[in-house]
Amino acid sequence: FDGYGTHTTKDMVHRRRKKHSCADIHPTPDSVLNVKKEQFLSNESNKQRFIDLLVDVARSNGIECIQAQADADLNICLTAIDRANTKPVHLHGEDTDLLII
């Protein structure tokens, strides 16, 4: 997962995509979202808390997760190459950076 707690080279892209402002929301596994997904995710703190929640739930179910401090593209590529040495690897994504693999 990408991290959103630090400044990155993609800060300008994130600002440009930001169309709505949303209050801070602290999601839990049982939370019901009362705002549109796009609005919720426009707040970087909400996005980071949601990613943290996803990582916690996945790990508690035995799923390995790696969370980058910023952009995850390099971690995705390096992890896929490393894991491909021992087992089949499938990447699903819309990011053109994944094409290099």
Protein backbone atom coordinates (compact mmCIF):
# COMPACT_ATOMS: atom_id res chain seq x y z
CA PHE A 1 0.00 0.00 0.00
CA ASP A 2 1.08 3.57 -0.58
CA GLY A 3 1.74 5.62 2.53
CA TYR A 4 0.24 9.08 2.95
CA GLY A 5 1.93 10.33 6.11
CA THR A 6 4.94 11.94 4.44
CA HIS A 7 5.63 14.29 1.54
CA THR A 8 6.36 12.56 -1.76
CA THR A 9 6.99 13.31 -5.40
CA LYS A 10 3.27 12.70 -5.98
CA ASP A 11 2.05 15.49 -3.67
CA MET A 12 1.09 17.71 -6.61
CA VAL A 13 -0.90 14.87 -8.22
CA HIS A 14 -2.73 14.26 -4.94
CA ARG A 15 -3.59 17.96 -4.61
CA ARG A 16 -4.83 18.13 -8.20
CA ARG A 17 -7.12 15.11 -7.69
CA LYS A 18 -8.54 16.55 -4.49
CA LYS A 19 -12.01 17.86 -5.38
CA HIS A 20 -13.86 17.67 -2.09
CA SER A 21 -12.87 18.24 1.48
CA CYS A 22 -13.89 15.76 4.14
CA ALA A 23 -13.75 15.81 7.92
CA ASP A 24 -11.45 13.38 9.73
CA ILE A 25 -13.13 9.98 10.08
CA HIS A 26 -11.70 7.12 12.15
CA PRO A 27 -12.88 3.89 10.48
CA THR A 28 -13.25 0.56 12.28
CA PRO A 29 -14.04 -2.85 10.77
CA ASP A 30 -17.71 -2.28 11.63
CA SER A 31 -17.93 1.33 10.42
CA VAL A 32 -20.64 2.36 7.98
CA LEU A 33 -19.45 5.16 5.72
CA ASN A 34 -21.97 8.00 5.51
CA VAL A 35 -20.08 10.00 2.88
CA LYS A 36 -19.13 9.20 -0.70
CA LYS A 37 -16.02 7.10 -1.09
CA GLU A 38 -14.29 9.80 -3.16
CA GLN A 39 -14.97 12.42 -0.50
CA PHE A 40 -13.73 10.18 2.32
CA LEU A 41 -10.54 9.35 0.41
CA SER A 42 -9.89 13.01 -0.50
CA ASN A 43 -8.70 13.51 3.10
CA GLU A 44 -5.18 12.04 3.26
CA SER A 45 -5.54 11.30 6.99
CA ASN A 46 -8.70 9.28 6.29
CA LYS A 47 -6.94 7.47 3.47
CA GLN A 48 -3.97 6.57 5.69
CA ARG A 49 -6.22 5.39 8.54
CA PHE A 50 -8.19 3.24 6.08
CA ILE A 51 -4.99 1.69 4.72
CA ASP A 52 -3.81 1.03 8.30
CA LEU A 53 -7.15 -0.69 9.00
CA LEU A 54 -6.88 -2.82 5.83
CA VAL A 55 -3.34 -3.85 6.74
CA ASP A 56 -4.39 -4.82 10.28
CA VAL A 57 -7.35 -6.89 9.07
CA ALA A 58 -5.31 -8.59 6.34
CA ARG A 59 -2.45 -9.45 8.70
CA SER A 60 -4.84 -10.78 11.33
CA ASN A 61 -6.11 -13.15 8.62
CA GLY A 62 -2.62 -14.37 7.70
CA ILE A 63 -2.15 -12.18 4.63
CA GLU A 64 1.29 -10.62 4.22
CA CYS A 65 1.17 -6.85 3.68
CA ILE A 66 3.93 -4.41 2.96
CA GLN A 67 3.22 -0.73 3.44
CA ALA A 68 5.50 1.87 1.89
CA GLN A 69 6.30 5.16 3.59
CA ALA A 70 5.25 6.92 0.40
CA ASP A 71 4.80 5.57 -3.14
CA ALA A 72 4.52 1.76 -3.19
CA ASP A 73 5.47 1.17 -6.83
CA LEU A 74 9.08 0.21 -6.10
CA ASN A 75 8.05 -2.06 -3.20
CA ILE A 76 5.48 -3.79 -5.42
CA CYS A 77 8.05 -4.46 -8.13
CA LEU A 78 10.82 -5.62 -5.79
CA THR A 79 8.49 -7.86 -3.78
CA ALA A 80 7.00 -9.43 -6.93
CA ILE A 81 10.47 -10.15 -8.32
CA ASP A 82 11.62 -11.61 -4.97
CA ARG A 83 8.53 -13.82 -4.55
CA ALA A 84 8.67 -14.99 -8.19
CA ASN A 85 11.86 -16.87 -7.31
CA THR A 86 9.88 -19.27 -5.09
CA LYS A 87 6.22 -19.22 -6.22
CA PRO A 88 3.87 -17.93 -8.91
CA VAL A 89 3.12 -14.21 -8.64
CA HIS A 90 0.07 -12.40 -9.99
CA LEU A 91 -0.11 -8.61 -10.09
CA HIS A 92 -3.39 -6.81 -10.58
CA GLY A 93 -3.41 -3.07 -10.99
CA GLU A 94 -4.07 -0.11 -13.21
CA ASP A 95 -0.71 1.60 -12.65
CA THR A 96 1.49 1.69 -15.75
CA ASP A 97 4.56 1.39 -13.51
CA LEU A 98 3.62 -2.28 -13.02
CA LEU A 99 4.07 -2.83 -16.74
CA ILE A 100 7.86 -3.01 -16.35
CA ILE A 101 7.58 -6.36 -14.61
